[in-house]
Amino acid sequence: MDRKRLREKLMKKTQTEIAENLAGAEVHIIKAVKLISDLDAVSNLLKENVIDWEKRNPGEGAIKMLDQLKQNQISIETEKQELTNFIEKEMDKELPVFASVAGAVLGAKILAQAGSKKRLAFLPASTVQLLGAEKALFNHLKKQGQCPKHGHLFNHPLIQKLPKQKRGKAARILAGKLAIAAKMDYFGSTTDIDLLGDAEKKIANL
């Protein structure tokens, strides 16, 4: 295949992927959860700077400025909560089974990492397990670190409460259930399966 045809093929593939990522209703969930991450970073930075400034004996003018900055930080936290409420409602509509297993916000982060509802549905469990750990996986492949055992799933309550040595196996169990849940949501399955309950039982037996 010559360069021109290869370039055209790659361009077409890229355009298709972009169109796919922007076509579904889940694009609003992805935008919202990414915005929460951005607001988190701004809020934490603002809070740290305010605390540091307060330690330096601010005068009257500085105190007024600090009060305004504190109000801004409160406003950011309010916006984050409103975005969280939006994500919970939208995930319940778009990916109800997946959200019931992962939790709405964590599920939205995994969805955002996958890129679309369709792509998430076709990912193997092993990939779902490592979504969010791409940098660590890349370093491992370059032989610069250990292979990661989990990505975003690290923040799931079932993983958080476990000792470190059991988290990898638990993440694999949970990822398997999430892969099933994503397919159920995408293909509209109505099978009554308690995926979260099954995961809890298997993880409890580790």
C-alpha atoms as a PDB file:
ATOM      1  CA  MET A   1       0.000   0.000   0.000  1.00  0.00           C
ATOM      2  CA  ASP A   2       1.459   3.371  -1.029  1.00  0.00           C
ATOM      3  CA  ARG A   3       1.776   6.316   1.343  1.00  0.00           C
ATOM      4  CA  LYS A   4      -1.185   8.222  -0.101  1.00  0.00           C
ATOM      5  CA  ARG A   5      -3.610   5.317   0.302  1.00  0.00           C
ATOM      6  CA  LEU A   6      -2.272   4.563   3.782  1.00  0.00           C
ATOM      7  CA  ARG A   7      -2.687   8.198   4.814  1.00  0.00           C
ATOM      8  CA  GLU A   8      -6.258   8.266   3.448  1.00  0.00           C
ATOM      9  CA  LYS A   9      -7.072   5.060   5.316  1.00  0.00           C
ATOM     10  CA  LEU A  10      -5.691   6.406   8.602  1.00  0.00           C
ATOM     11  CA  MET A  11      -7.528   9.717   8.152  1.00  0.00           C
ATOM     12  CA  LYS A  12     -10.793   7.896   7.510  1.00  0.00           C
ATOM     13  CA  LYS A  13     -10.298   5.730  10.591  1.00  0.00           C
ATOM     14  CA  THR A  14      -9.559   8.798  12.741  1.00  0.00           C
ATOM     15  CA  GLN A  15     -12.612  10.661  11.430  1.00  0.00           C
ATOM     16  CA  THR A  16     -14.802   7.627  12.126  1.00  0.00           C
ATOM     17  CA  GLU A  17     -13.507   7.357  15.692  1.00  0.00           C
ATOM     18  CA  ILE A  18     -14.043  11.078  16.327  1.00  0.00           C
ATOM     19  CA  ALA A  19     -17.565  10.929  14.919  1.00  0.00           C
ATOM     20  CA  GLU A  20     -18.305   7.853  17.048  1.00  0.00           C
ATOM     21  CA  ASN A  21     -17.017   9.529  20.204  1.00  0.00           C
ATOM     22  CA  LEU A  22     -19.175  12.611  19.635  1.00  0.00           C
ATOM     23  CA  ALA A  23     -22.317  10.883  18.388  1.00  0.00           C
ATOM     24  CA  GLY A  24     -23.675   9.194  21.519  1.00  0.00           C
ATOM     25  CA  ALA A  25     -25.567  10.780  24.368  1.00  0.00           C
ATOM     26  CA  GLU A  26     -22.746   9.602  26.631  1.00  0.00           C
ATOM     27  CA  VAL A  27     -20.553  12.416  25.294  1.00  0.00           C
ATOM     28  CA  HIS A  28     -22.205  14.703  27.872  1.00  0.00           C
ATOM     29  CA  ILE A  29     -21.274  12.317  30.670  1.00  0.00           C
ATOM     30  CA  ILE A  30     -17.686  12.255  29.437  1.00  0.00           C
ATOM     31  CA  LYS A  31     -17.498  16.045  29.263  1.00  0.00           C
ATOM     32  CA  ALA A  32     -18.992  16.393  32.748  1.00  0.00           C
ATOM     33  CA  VAL A  33     -16.655  13.897  34.436  1.00  0.00           C
ATOM     34  CA  LYS A  34     -13.588  15.445  32.801  1.00  0.00           C
ATOM     35  CA  LEU A  35     -14.755  18.854  34.014  1.00  0.00           C
ATOM     36  CA  ILE A  36     -15.037  17.503  37.565  1.00  0.00           C
ATOM     37  CA  SER A  37     -11.380  16.450  37.372  1.00  0.00           C
ATOM     38  CA  ASP A  38     -10.403  19.926  36.165  1.00  0.00           C
ATOM     39  CA  LEU A  39     -12.423  21.601  38.913  1.00  0.00           C
ATOM     40  CA  ASP A  40     -10.833  19.278  41.469  1.00  0.00           C
ATOM     41  CA  ALA A  41      -7.380  20.438  40.421  1.00  0.00           C
ATOM     42  CA  VAL A  42      -8.396  24.126  40.546  1.00  0.00           C
ATOM     43  CA  SER A  43     -10.132  23.740  43.914  1.00  0.00           C
ATOM     44  CA  ASN A  44      -7.174  21.958  45.519  1.00  0.00           C
ATOM     45  CA  LEU A  45      -4.685  24.497  44.182  1.00  0.00           C
ATOM     46  CA  LEU A  46      -6.840  27.397  45.358  1.00  0.00           C
ATOM     47  CA  LYS A  47      -7.283  25.878  48.808  1.00  0.00           C
ATOM     48  CA  GLU A  48      -3.548  25.224  49.216  1.00  0.00           C
ATOM     49  CA  ASN A  49      -2.655  28.791  48.242  1.00  0.00           C
ATOM     50  CA  VAL A  50      -5.272  30.318  50.539  1.00  0.00           C
ATOM     51  CA  ILE A  51      -3.991  28.280  53.500  1.00  0.00           C
ATOM     52  CA  ASP A  52      -0.402  29.270  52.725  1.00  0.00           C
ATOM     53  CA  TRP A  53      -1.352  32.946  52.395  1.00  0.00           C
ATOM     54  CA  GLU A  54      -3.244  32.925  55.722  1.00  0.00           C
ATOM     55  CA  LYS A  55      -0.063  31.766  57.490  1.00  0.00           C
ATOM     56  CA  ARG A  56       1.735  34.955  56.447  1.00  0.00           C
ATOM     57  CA  ASN A  57      -0.124  37.473  58.648  1.00  0.00           C
ATOM     58  CA  PRO A  58      -2.253  39.105  55.913  1.00  0.00           C
ATOM     59  CA  GLY A  59      -3.427  42.690  56.344  1.00  0.00           C
ATOM     60  CA  GLU A  60      -6.977  43.988  55.991  1.00  0.00           C
ATOM     61  CA  GLY A  61      -6.854  44.196  52.188  1.00  0.00           C
ATOM     62  CA  ALA A  62      -5.382  40.717  51.886  1.00  0.00           C
ATOM     63  CA  ILE A  63      -8.000  39.313  54.276  1.00  0.00           C
ATOM     64  CA  LYS A  64     -10.779  40.662  52.035  1.00  0.00           C
ATOM     65  CA  MET A  65      -9.128  39.041  49.052  1.00  0.00           C
ATOM     66  CA  LEU A  66      -8.772  35.760  50.934  1.00  0.00           C
ATOM     67  CA  ASP A  67     -12.464  35.822  51.863  1.00  0.00           C
ATOM     68  CA  GLN A  68     -13.345  36.232  48.179  1.00  0.00           C
ATOM     69  CA  LEU A  69     -11.065  33.365  47.218  1.00  0.00           C
ATOM     70  CA  LYS A  70     -12.714  31.169  49.840  1.00  0.00           C
ATOM     71  CA  GLN A  71     -16.125  31.986  48.361  1.00  0.00           C
ATOM     72  CA  ASN A  72     -14.817  31.062  44.936  1.00  0.00           C
ATOM     73  CA  GLN A  73     -13.594  27.756  46.283  1.00  0.00           C
ATOM     74  CA  ILE A  74     -17.012  27.076  47.815  1.00  0.00           C
ATOM     75  CA  SER A  75     -18.630  27.889  44.458  1.00  0.00           C
ATOM     76  CA  ILE A  76     -16.353  25.400  42.723  1.00  0.00           C
ATOM     77  CA  GLU A  77     -17.356  22.687  45.203  1.00  0.00           C
ATOM     78  CA  THR A  78     -21.022  23.497  44.521  1.00  0.00           C
ATOM     79  CA  GLU A  79     -20.436  23.181  40.774  1.00  0.00           C
ATOM     80  CA  LYS A  80     -18.736  19.824  41.331  1.00  0.00           C
ATOM     81  CA  GLN A  81     -21.742  18.549  43.264  1.00  0.00           C
ATOM     82  CA  GLU A  82     -24.125  19.698  40.526  1.00  0.00           C
ATOM     83  CA  LEU A  83     -21.997  17.947  37.920  1.00  0.00           C
ATOM     84  CA  THR A  84     -21.989  14.804  40.072  1.00  0.00           C
ATOM     85  CA  ASN A  85     -25.790  14.901  40.269  1.00  0.00           C
ATOM     86  CA  PHE A  86     -25.953  15.288  36.481  1.00  0.00           C
ATOM     87  CA  ILE A  87     -23.589  12.332  35.962  1.00  0.00           C
ATOM     88  CA  GLU A  88     -25.618  10.123  38.305  1.00  0.00           C
ATOM     89  CA  LYS A  89     -28.832  10.830  36.388  1.00  0.00           C
ATOM     90  CA  GLU A  90     -27.252  10.383  32.952  1.00  0.00           C
ATOM     91  CA  MET A  91     -25.390   7.206  33.885  1.00  0.00           C
ATOM     92  CA  ASP A  92     -28.643   5.759  35.203  1.00  0.00           C
ATOM     93  CA  LYS A  93     -30.157   6.396  31.754  1.00  0.00           C
ATOM     94  CA  GLU A  94     -27.229   5.422  29.529  1.00  0.00           C
ATOM     95  CA  LEU A  95     -25.332   2.758  31.493  1.00  0.00           C
ATOM     96  CA  PRO A  96     -27.534   1.687  34.421  1.00  0.00           C
ATOM     97  CA  VAL A  97     -26.040  -1.783  34.929  1.00  0.00           C
ATOM     98  CA  PHE A  98     -22.478  -0.530  34.574  1.00  0.00           C
ATOM     99  CA  ALA A  99     -23.153   2.322  37.018  1.00  0.00           C
ATOM    100  CA  SER A 100     -24.720  -0.068  39.543  1.00  0.00           C
ATOM    101  CA  VAL A 101     -21.469  -2.056  39.642  1.00  0.00           C
ATOM    102  CA  ALA A 102     -18.879   0.723  39.325  1.00  0.00           C
ATOM    103  CA  GLY A 103     -20.732   3.639  40.886  1.00  0.00           C
ATOM    104  CA  ALA A 104     -21.831   6.589  38.748  1.00  0.00           C
ATOM    105  CA  VAL A 105     -18.760   8.838  38.892  1.00  0.00           C
ATOM    106  CA  LEU A 106     -16.176   6.042  38.789  1.00  0.00           C
ATOM    107  CA  GLY A 107     -18.135   4.439  35.963  1.00  0.00           C
ATOM    108  CA  ALA A 108     -18.126   7.745  34.100  1.00  0.00           C
ATOM    109  CA  LYS A 109     -14.335   7.994  34.457  1.00  0.00           C
ATOM    110  CA  ILE A 110     -13.927   4.518  32.999  1.00  0.00           C
ATOM    111  CA  LEU A 111     -16.333   5.412  30.188  1.00  0.00           C
ATOM    112  CA  ALA A 112     -14.358   8.575  29.443  1.00  0.00           C
ATOM    113  CA  GLN A 113     -11.123   6.573  29.297  1.00  0.00           C
ATOM    114  CA  ALA A 114     -12.719   4.089  26.869  1.00  0.00           C
ATOM    115  CA  GLY A 115     -13.999   6.945  24.687  1.00  0.00           C
ATOM    116  CA  SER A 116     -17.563   5.836  24.013  1.00  0.00           C
ATOM    117  CA  LYS A 117     -20.286   3.470  25.148  1.00  0.00           C
ATOM    118  CA  LYS A 118     -19.691   1.249  22.110  1.00  0.00           C
ATOM    119  CA  ARG A 119     -15.944   0.997  22.599  1.00  0.00           C
ATOM    120  CA  LEU A 120     -16.427   0.233  26.293  1.00  0.00           C
ATOM    121  CA  ALA A 121     -18.843  -2.598  25.442  1.00  0.00           C
ATOM    122  CA  PHE A 122     -16.286  -4.309  23.224  1.00  0.00           C
ATOM    123  CA  LEU A 123     -13.310  -4.017  25.571  1.00  0.00           C
ATOM    124  CA  PRO A 124     -12.059  -7.229  27.193  1.00  0.00           C
ATOM    125  CA  ALA A 125     -12.087  -7.383  30.983  1.00  0.00           C
ATOM    126  CA  SER A 126      -8.282  -7.213  31.083  1.00  0.00           C
ATOM    127  CA  THR A 127      -8.375  -3.811  29.390  1.00  0.00           C
ATOM    128  CA  VAL A 128     -11.208  -2.514  31.592  1.00  0.00           C
ATOM    129  CA  GLN A 129      -9.086  -3.460  34.604  1.00  0.00           C
ATOM    130  CA  LEU A 130      -6.216  -1.212  33.477  1.00  0.00           C
ATOM    131  CA  LEU A 131      -8.122   1.800  32.147  1.00  0.00           C
ATOM    132  CA  GLY A 132      -6.621   4.809  33.870  1.00  0.00           C
ATOM    133  CA  ALA A 133      -3.219   3.146  34.294  1.00  0.00           C
ATOM    134  CA  GLU A 134      -1.939   3.747  30.772  1.00  0.00           C
ATOM    135  CA  LYS A 135       1.164   5.619  31.894  1.00  0.00           C
ATOM    136  CA  ALA A 136       2.204   2.873  34.320  1.00  0.00           C
ATOM    137  CA  LEU A 137       1.521   0.230  31.666  1.00  0.00           C
ATOM    138  CA  PHE A 138       3.617   2.130  29.131  1.00  0.00           C
ATOM    139  CA  ASN A 139       6.495   2.352  31.611  1.00  0.00           C
ATOM    140  CA  HIS A 140       6.180  -1.372  32.288  1.00  0.00           C
ATOM    141  CA  LEU A 141       6.356  -2.154  28.580  1.00  0.00           C
ATOM    142  CA  LYS A 142       9.515  -0.047  28.422  1.00  0.00           C
ATOM    143  CA  LYS A 143      10.811  -2.182  31.319  1.00  0.00           C
ATOM    144  CA  GLN A 144      10.867   0.815  33.645  1.00  0.00           C
ATOM    145  CA  GLY A 145       8.394  -0.370  36.247  1.00  0.00           C
ATOM    146  CA  GLN A 146       6.062  -3.086  37.506  1.00  0.00           C
ATOM    147  CA  CYS A 147       2.962  -4.071  35.568  1.00  0.00           C
ATOM    148  CA  PRO A 148      -0.049  -2.186  37.020  1.00  0.00           C
ATOM    149  CA  LYS A 149      -2.847  -4.262  38.545  1.00  0.00           C
ATOM    150  CA  HIS A 150      -5.588  -1.652  38.290  1.00  0.00           C
ATOM    151  CA  GLY A 151      -6.342   1.800  36.967  1.00  0.00           C
ATOM    152  CA  HIS A 152      -9.480   3.717  37.931  1.00  0.00           C
ATOM    153  CA  LEU A 153     -10.749   0.577  39.684  1.00  0.00           C
ATOM    154  CA  PHE A 154      -8.340   1.320  42.519  1.00  0.00           C
ATOM    155  CA  ASN A 155     -10.926   3.854  43.759  1.00  0.00           C
ATOM    156  CA  HIS A 156     -13.789   1.338  43.918  1.00  0.00           C
ATOM    157  CA  PRO A 157     -14.950   0.691  47.529  1.00  0.00           C
ATOM    158  CA  LEU A 158     -14.489  -3.064  47.109  1.00  0.00           C
ATOM    159  CA  ILE A 159     -10.830  -2.543  46.187  1.00  0.00           C
ATOM    160  CA  GLN A 160     -10.079   0.219  48.681  1.00  0.00           C
ATOM    161  CA  LYS A 161     -10.922  -1.859  51.746  1.00  0.00           C
ATOM    162  CA  LEU A 162      -8.594  -4.722  50.775  1.00  0.00           C
ATOM    163  CA  PRO A 163      -4.936  -5.204  51.709  1.00  0.00           C
ATOM    164  CA  LYS A 164      -2.524  -4.370  48.904  1.00  0.00           C
ATOM    165  CA  GLN A 165      -1.670  -7.964  48.028  1.00  0.00           C
ATOM    166  CA  LYS A 166      -5.316  -8.816  47.255  1.00  0.00           C
ATOM    167  CA  ARG A 167      -6.231  -5.761  45.180  1.00  0.00           C
ATOM    168  CA  GLY A 168      -4.971  -7.152  41.880  1.00  0.00           C
ATOM    169  CA  LYS A 169      -7.141 -10.284  42.053  1.00  0.00           C
ATOM    170  CA  ALA A 170     -10.122  -8.242  43.248  1.00  0.00           C
ATOM    171  CA  ALA A 171      -9.693  -5.776  40.388  1.00  0.00           C
ATOM    172  CA  ARG A 172      -9.662  -8.667  37.914  1.00  0.00           C
ATOM    173  CA  ILE A 173     -12.935 -10.016  39.355  1.00  0.00           C
ATOM    174  CA  LEU A 174     -14.544  -6.582  39.307  1.00  0.00           C
ATOM    175  CA  ALA A 175     -13.333  -5.844  35.764  1.00  0.00           C
ATOM    176  CA  GLY A 176     -14.917  -9.094  34.577  1.00  0.00           C
ATOM    177  CA  LYS A 177     -18.293  -8.045  35.978  1.00  0.00           C
ATOM    178  CA  LEU A 178     -17.940  -4.553  34.509  1.00  0.00           C
ATOM    179  CA  ALA A 179     -17.165  -5.958  31.066  1.00  0.00           C
ATOM    180  CA  ILE A 180     -20.403  -7.955  31.250  1.00  0.00           C
ATOM    181  CA  ALA A 181     -22.321  -4.909  32.525  1.00  0.00           C
ATOM    182  CA  ALA A 182     -21.085  -2.721  29.654  1.00  0.00           C
ATOM    183  CA  LYS A 183     -22.281  -5.299  27.124  1.00  0.00           C
ATOM    184  CA  MET A 184     -25.649  -5.617  28.853  1.00  0.00           C
ATOM    185  CA  ASP A 185     -26.165  -1.852  28.674  1.00  0.00           C
ATOM    186  CA  TYR A 186     -24.996  -1.525  25.073  1.00  0.00           C
ATOM    187  CA  PHE A 187     -27.029  -4.427  23.710  1.00  0.00           C
ATOM    188  CA  GLY A 188     -30.054  -3.724  25.905  1.00  0.00           C
ATOM    189  CA  SER A 189     -30.020  -6.971  27.866  1.00  0.00           C
ATOM    190  CA  THR A 190     -32.748  -7.311  30.498  1.00  0.00           C
ATOM    191  CA  THR A 191     -31.266 -10.359  32.215  1.00  0.00           C
ATOM    192  CA  ASP A 192     -31.696 -10.056  35.971  1.00  0.00           C
ATOM    193  CA  ILE A 193     -28.161 -10.686  37.228  1.00  0.00           C
ATOM    194  CA  ASP A 194     -26.722  -9.228  40.427  1.00  0.00           C
ATOM    195  CA  LEU A 195     -23.243  -8.517  39.079  1.00  0.00           C
ATOM    196  CA  LEU A 196     -22.179  -6.406  42.043  1.00  0.00           C
ATOM    197  CA  GLY A 197     -23.407  -9.037  44.492  1.00  0.00           C
ATOM    198  CA  ASP A 198     -21.491 -11.733  42.610  1.00  0.00           C
ATOM    199  CA  ALA A 199     -18.333  -9.591  42.691  1.00  0.00           C
ATOM    200  CA  GLU A 200     -18.736  -8.957  46.425  1.00  0.00           C
ATOM    201  CA  LYS A 201     -19.041 -12.696  47.172  1.00  0.00           C
ATOM    202  CA  LYS A 202     -15.999 -13.645  45.072  1.00  0.00           C
ATOM    203  CA  ILE A 203     -13.884 -10.847  46.504  1.00  0.00           C
ATOM    204  CA  ALA A 204     -14.925 -11.765  50.056  1.00  0.00           C
ATOM    205  CA  ASN A 205     -13.576 -15.283  49.422  1.00  0.00           C
ATOM    206  CA  LEU A 206     -10.128 -14.087  48.375  1.00  0.00           C
END
